[in-house]
Amino acid sequence: AGFAHLDRFTIAKEIAAVLDAEGAHTLIGYDSAGGYGHPDHLQVHRATRAAAVLAKKPPQLFEATLPREPIVKAVQLAARLHLTPSDWDAHEFDYAWTAGAEITHRVNVRPYMKAKRQALRAHASQAGADGTTRTLAVLTRIPGPLASLLLGTEYYVRVSGPKAAKTRGTASGAS
């Protein structure tokens, strides 16, 4: 059985044990949509949420995401231009990732683009897992300036920790 089929509480206990052993203050998981709905990402979401509760000293929990709106627009445009397979549903992304207004943190990672692109390339199995051209494969081949534009900001939602309730759902908590 793959990661998505493991017991989330077993995983959460292991994560909580690492958080406790390391004295971690921050935990990062995936948003509630698992980004684009990947079963392993959904499992990470569930397990990190549970681990944050199980840890002796609950960490600040952030969930990695992307702003949904520009992706939905790009997908709809690609479908209208017939750049997607004919059986592909452009509405598949209508509820993926997170509404932009709910994003609490935007992090400039442009100074680390070389390392980020190397990390993306390290996921070789994801670049062509099903024999088709996958998004990851495309992202690893785009020119540097365009990569910086598309990948130079990372987005997070603060779920728990100081001021989380106050900042959740607003752009004013962005840092």
Protein backbone atom coordinates (compact mmCIF):
# COMPACT_ATOMS: atom_id res chain seq x y z
CA ALA A 1 0.00 0.00 0.00
CA GLY A 2 1.21 3.49 -0.79
CA PHE A 3 1.54 6.44 1.56
CA ALA A 4 -2.04 7.59 0.97
CA HIS A 5 -3.34 4.27 2.31
CA LEU A 6 -1.38 4.25 5.57
CA ASP A 7 -3.13 5.05 8.83
CA ARG A 8 -2.96 8.82 9.27
CA PHE A 9 -2.72 8.58 13.06
CA THR A 10 0.27 6.25 12.84
CA ILE A 11 1.95 8.80 10.58
CA ALA A 12 0.85 11.67 12.85
CA LYS A 13 2.36 10.00 15.93
CA GLU A 14 5.68 9.61 14.10
CA ILE A 15 5.64 13.25 13.00
CA ALA A 16 4.70 14.38 16.53
CA ALA A 17 7.59 12.34 17.95
CA VAL A 18 10.02 14.14 15.61
CA LEU A 19 8.49 17.52 16.49
CA ASP A 20 8.94 16.75 20.20
CA ALA A 21 12.47 15.37 19.80
CA GLU A 22 13.61 18.38 17.77
CA GLY A 23 11.71 20.99 19.76
CA ALA A 24 10.23 22.18 16.46
CA HIS A 25 8.26 25.41 16.51
CA THR A 26 6.87 25.13 12.98
CA LEU A 27 5.26 22.39 10.92
CA ILE A 28 4.40 22.66 7.24
CA GLY A 29 1.80 20.50 5.52
CA TYR A 30 -0.39 20.78 2.44
CA ASP A 31 -3.64 22.71 2.17
CA SER A 32 -6.98 20.92 2.57
CA ALA A 33 -7.19 20.27 -1.18
CA GLY A 34 -3.79 18.57 -1.16
CA GLY A 35 -2.82 21.20 -3.72
CA TYR A 36 -4.43 19.66 -6.75
CA GLY A 37 -5.92 16.67 -4.94
CA HIS A 38 -3.02 14.21 -5.06
CA PRO A 39 -3.81 11.35 -2.62
CA ASP A 40 -0.38 11.54 -0.96
CA HIS A 41 -0.74 15.31 -0.49
CA LEU A 42 -4.17 14.84 1.05
CA GLN A 43 -2.65 12.30 3.44
CA VAL A 44 0.11 14.78 4.37
CA HIS A 45 -2.62 17.34 5.10
CA ARG A 46 -4.50 14.97 7.38
CA ALA A 47 -1.38 13.65 9.13
CA THR A 48 0.21 17.07 9.80
CA ARG A 49 -3.08 18.42 11.16
CA ALA A 50 -3.24 15.47 13.57
CA ALA A 51 0.49 15.70 14.44
CA ALA A 52 0.12 19.37 15.38
CA VAL A 53 -2.49 18.35 17.95
CA LEU A 54 -0.54 15.33 19.23
CA ALA A 55 2.77 17.15 19.76
CA LYS A 56 3.60 17.94 23.40
CA LYS A 57 4.18 21.57 22.44
CA PRO A 58 1.91 22.30 19.49
CA PRO A 59 3.87 23.93 16.67
CA GLN A 60 2.72 26.72 14.42
CA LEU A 61 1.10 24.91 11.52
CA PHE A 62 1.36 26.35 8.03
CA GLU A 63 -0.04 24.76 4.91
CA ALA A 64 1.69 25.14 1.57
CA THR A 65 -0.61 26.19 -1.23
CA LEU A 66 -0.98 28.36 -4.32
CA PRO A 67 -3.50 31.09 -5.08
CA ARG A 68 -6.34 29.31 -6.89
CA GLU A 69 -7.59 32.14 -9.12
CA PRO A 70 -4.66 32.53 -11.55
CA ILE A 71 -4.43 28.76 -11.97
CA VAL A 72 -8.14 28.46 -12.76
CA LYS A 73 -7.83 31.27 -15.33
CA ALA A 74 -4.79 29.64 -16.96
CA VAL A 75 -6.48 26.23 -17.08
CA GLN A 76 -9.65 27.67 -18.59
CA LEU A 77 -7.61 29.53 -21.20
CA ALA A 78 -5.64 26.38 -22.05
CA ALA A 79 -8.89 24.46 -22.48
CA ARG A 80 -10.38 27.17 -24.74
CA LEU A 81 -7.23 27.08 -26.86
CA HIS A 82 -7.48 23.26 -27.05
CA LEU A 83 -4.12 22.81 -25.33
CA THR A 84 -5.52 20.14 -23.03
CA PRO A 85 -6.72 16.60 -23.82
CA SER A 86 -10.29 16.54 -25.16
CA ASP A 87 -11.55 14.44 -22.23
CA TRP A 88 -9.98 16.73 -19.63
CA ASP A 89 -12.30 18.70 -17.35
CA ALA A 90 -11.12 22.31 -16.98
CA HIS A 91 -13.25 22.63 -13.84
CA GLU A 92 -11.07 20.06 -12.10
CA PHE A 93 -9.09 22.93 -10.59
CA ASP A 94 -12.04 25.08 -9.45
CA TYR A 95 -11.52 23.96 -5.85
CA ALA A 96 -7.83 23.14 -5.93
CA TRP A 97 -5.32 25.02 -3.78
CA THR A 98 -6.57 28.06 -1.82
CA ALA A 99 -8.50 31.22 -2.56
CA GLY A 100 -6.01 34.10 -2.70
CA ALA A 101 -7.78 36.02 0.07
CA GLU A 102 -7.14 33.15 2.49
CA ILE A 103 -3.36 33.10 1.96
CA THR A 104 -1.61 34.54 5.01
CA HIS A 105 2.05 34.36 3.95
CA ARG A 106 3.89 34.96 0.70
CA VAL A 107 7.58 34.12 0.81
CA ASN A 108 10.10 35.39 -1.74
CA VAL A 109 12.33 32.41 -2.57
CA ARG A 110 14.06 33.95 -5.60
CA PRO A 111 17.45 33.97 -3.83
CA TYR A 112 17.12 30.17 -3.55
CA MET A 113 15.92 29.40 -7.08
CA LYS A 114 18.98 27.31 -7.96
CA ALA A 115 18.38 25.00 -4.99
CA LYS A 116 14.63 24.94 -5.60
CA ARG A 117 15.07 23.92 -9.22
CA GLN A 118 17.56 21.22 -8.19
CA ALA A 119 15.00 19.92 -5.69
CA LEU A 120 12.32 19.84 -8.39
CA ARG A 121 14.65 17.89 -10.67
CA ALA A 122 15.27 15.40 -7.85
CA HIS A 123 11.63 14.31 -8.15
CA ALA A 124 12.39 12.49 -11.41
CA SER A 125 9.66 9.89 -10.80
CA GLN A 126 7.07 12.69 -10.71
CA ALA A 127 8.26 14.25 -13.96
CA GLY A 128 7.05 11.32 -16.04
CA ALA A 129 5.32 8.96 -13.64
CA ASP A 130 2.63 7.87 -16.07
CA GLY A 131 4.56 8.23 -19.32
CA THR A 132 3.05 11.65 -20.09
CA THR A 133 4.52 15.13 -19.83
CA ARG A 134 3.83 16.19 -16.27
CA THR A 135 3.77 19.73 -14.87
CA LEU A 136 6.93 19.07 -12.88
CA ALA A 137 8.82 18.11 -16.04
CA VAL A 138 7.74 21.36 -17.71
CA LEU A 139 8.69 23.45 -14.66
CA THR A 140 12.21 22.02 -14.58
CA ARG A 141 12.82 23.02 -18.21
CA ILE A 142 11.59 26.61 -18.28
CA PRO A 143 14.21 29.37 -18.60
CA GLY A 144 15.57 31.00 -15.43
CA PRO A 145 13.74 34.35 -15.62
CA LEU A 146 10.39 32.67 -16.28
CA ALA A 147 11.09 30.13 -13.53
CA SER A 148 11.77 32.99 -11.15
CA LEU A 149 8.46 34.62 -12.11
CA LEU A 150 6.42 31.41 -11.77
CA LEU A 151 8.23 29.77 -8.85
CA GLY A 152 9.81 32.70 -7.01
CA THR A 153 7.06 33.07 -4.43
CA GLU A 154 5.80 30.36 -2.12
CA TYR A 155 2.40 30.64 -0.49
CA TYR A 156 1.18 29.47 2.92
CA VAL A 157 -1.85 29.61 5.14
CA ARG A 158 -1.19 29.84 8.87
CA VAL A 159 -3.56 27.35 10.45
CA SER A 160 -2.46 27.48 14.07
CA GLY A 161 -0.12 29.36 16.31
CA PRO A 162 0.08 32.97 17.49
CA LYS A 163 -2.36 35.27 15.72
CA ALA A 164 -3.59 32.47 13.42
CA ALA A 165 -7.25 33.08 14.11
CA LYS A 166 -6.84 36.82 13.57
CA THR A 167 -4.99 36.50 10.25
CA ARG A 168 -6.76 33.51 8.70
CA GLY A 169 -8.96 34.55 5.80
CA THR A 170 -7.38 37.96 5.32
CA ALA A 171 -4.51 39.27 3.29
CA SER A 172 -3.60 41.65 6.12
CA GLY A 173 -1.73 38.89 7.96
CA ALA A 174 0.59 38.35 5.01
CA SER A 175 4.26 38.72 5.62
